[in-house]
Amino acid sequence: PYAIASQLNEAIAAGDWQLYVDNLERLSKLGSEDVQRAAQTYLVRDRSTVGRFVPTA
């Protein structure tokens, strides 16, 4: 329930609650080729940032 509310809130913040429904429909149509293409486009080592969390306690 929290995840749904959070995603719906993001759509509302973007200006249209209907984006929540539309995005679910679009995501359900994606195939593995689409995911691979996006990964090759956006997950590029030259543009990556690596962080490390060091707990203080």
C-alpha atoms as a PDB file:
ATOM      1  CA  PRO A   1       0.000   0.000   0.000  1.00  0.00           C
ATOM      2  CA  TYR A   2       2.783   2.487   0.833  1.00  0.00           C
ATOM      3  CA  ALA A   3       4.540   1.894  -2.488  1.00  0.00           C
ATOM      4  CA  ILE A   4       1.323   2.492  -4.401  1.00  0.00           C
ATOM      5  CA  ALA A   5       0.649   5.694  -2.488  1.00  0.00           C
ATOM      6  CA  SER A   6       4.217   6.842  -3.070  1.00  0.00           C
ATOM      7  CA  GLN A   7       4.069   6.203  -6.821  1.00  0.00           C
ATOM      8  CA  LEU A   8       0.673   7.864  -7.087  1.00  0.00           C
ATOM      9  CA  ASN A   9       2.022  10.859  -5.193  1.00  0.00           C
ATOM     10  CA  GLU A  10       4.940  11.095  -7.648  1.00  0.00           C
ATOM     11  CA  ALA A  11       2.485  11.157 -10.551  1.00  0.00           C
ATOM     12  CA  ILE A  12       0.449  13.881  -8.860  1.00  0.00           C
ATOM     13  CA  ALA A  13       3.624  15.898  -8.276  1.00  0.00           C
ATOM     14  CA  ALA A  14       4.435  15.519 -11.984  1.00  0.00           C
ATOM     15  CA  GLY A  15       1.094  17.140 -12.742  1.00  0.00           C
ATOM     16  CA  ASP A  16      -1.284  14.289 -13.550  1.00  0.00           C
ATOM     17  CA  TRP A  17      -2.379  11.370 -11.369  1.00  0.00           C
ATOM     18  CA  GLN A  18      -3.238   9.451 -14.556  1.00  0.00           C
ATOM     19  CA  LEU A  19       0.499   9.065 -15.191  1.00  0.00           C
ATOM     20  CA  TYR A  20       0.463   6.378 -12.490  1.00  0.00           C
ATOM     21  CA  VAL A  21      -1.958   4.249 -14.509  1.00  0.00           C
ATOM     22  CA  ASP A  22      -0.328   5.065 -17.845  1.00  0.00           C
ATOM     23  CA  ASN A  23       3.150   4.204 -16.580  1.00  0.00           C
ATOM     24  CA  LEU A  24       1.983   0.834 -15.252  1.00  0.00           C
ATOM     25  CA  GLU A  25       0.550   0.026 -18.663  1.00  0.00           C
ATOM     26  CA  ARG A  26       3.698   1.133 -20.493  1.00  0.00           C
ATOM     27  CA  LEU A  27       5.967  -0.809 -18.143  1.00  0.00           C
ATOM     28  CA  SER A  28       3.942  -3.982 -18.635  1.00  0.00           C
ATOM     29  CA  LYS A  29       4.650  -3.769 -22.383  1.00  0.00           C
ATOM     30  CA  LEU A  30       8.440  -3.551 -22.032  1.00  0.00           C
ATOM     31  CA  GLY A  31      10.502  -6.503 -23.115  1.00  0.00           C
ATOM     32  CA  SER A  32      13.989  -7.633 -22.204  1.00  0.00           C
ATOM     33  CA  GLU A  33      15.358  -5.990 -25.358  1.00  0.00           C
ATOM     34  CA  ASP A  34      13.988  -2.640 -24.180  1.00  0.00           C
ATOM     35  CA  VAL A  35      15.655  -3.055 -20.803  1.00  0.00           C
ATOM     36  CA  GLN A  36      18.964  -4.046 -22.417  1.00  0.00           C
ATOM     37  CA  ARG A  37      18.857  -1.029 -24.741  1.00  0.00           C
ATOM     38  CA  ALA A  38      18.158   1.353 -21.845  1.00  0.00           C
ATOM     39  CA  ALA A  39      20.935  -0.212 -19.763  1.00  0.00           C
ATOM     40  CA  GLN A  40      23.453   0.168 -22.589  1.00  0.00           C
ATOM     41  CA  THR A  41      22.390   3.780 -23.092  1.00  0.00           C
ATOM     42  CA  TYR A  42      22.273   4.990 -19.498  1.00  0.00           C
ATOM     43  CA  LEU A  43      24.427   2.642 -17.412  1.00  0.00           C
ATOM     44  CA  VAL A  44      27.759   3.748 -18.824  1.00  0.00           C
ATOM     45  CA  ARG A  45      30.897   3.386 -16.713  1.00  0.00           C
ATOM     46  CA  ASP A  46      32.262   6.784 -17.822  1.00  0.00           C
ATOM     47  CA  ARG A  47      29.188   8.492 -16.381  1.00  0.00           C
ATOM     48  CA  SER A  48      28.873   6.528 -13.163  1.00  0.00           C
ATOM     49  CA  THR A  49      29.269   7.693  -9.601  1.00  0.00           C
ATOM     50  CA  VAL A  50      30.267   5.297  -6.859  1.00  0.00           C
ATOM     51  CA  GLY A  51      29.463   6.028  -3.246  1.00  0.00           C
ATOM     52  CA  ARG A  52      30.269   4.293  -0.023  1.00  0.00           C
ATOM     53  CA  PHE A  53      28.315   4.436   3.210  1.00  0.00           C
ATOM     54  CA  VAL A  54      30.458   4.415   6.339  1.00  0.00           C
ATOM     55  CA  PRO A  55      28.368   4.050   9.496  1.00  0.00           C
ATOM     56  CA  THR A  56      29.382   6.261  12.399  1.00  0.00           C
ATOM     57  CA  ALA A  57      28.084   3.943  15.096  1.00  0.00           C
END
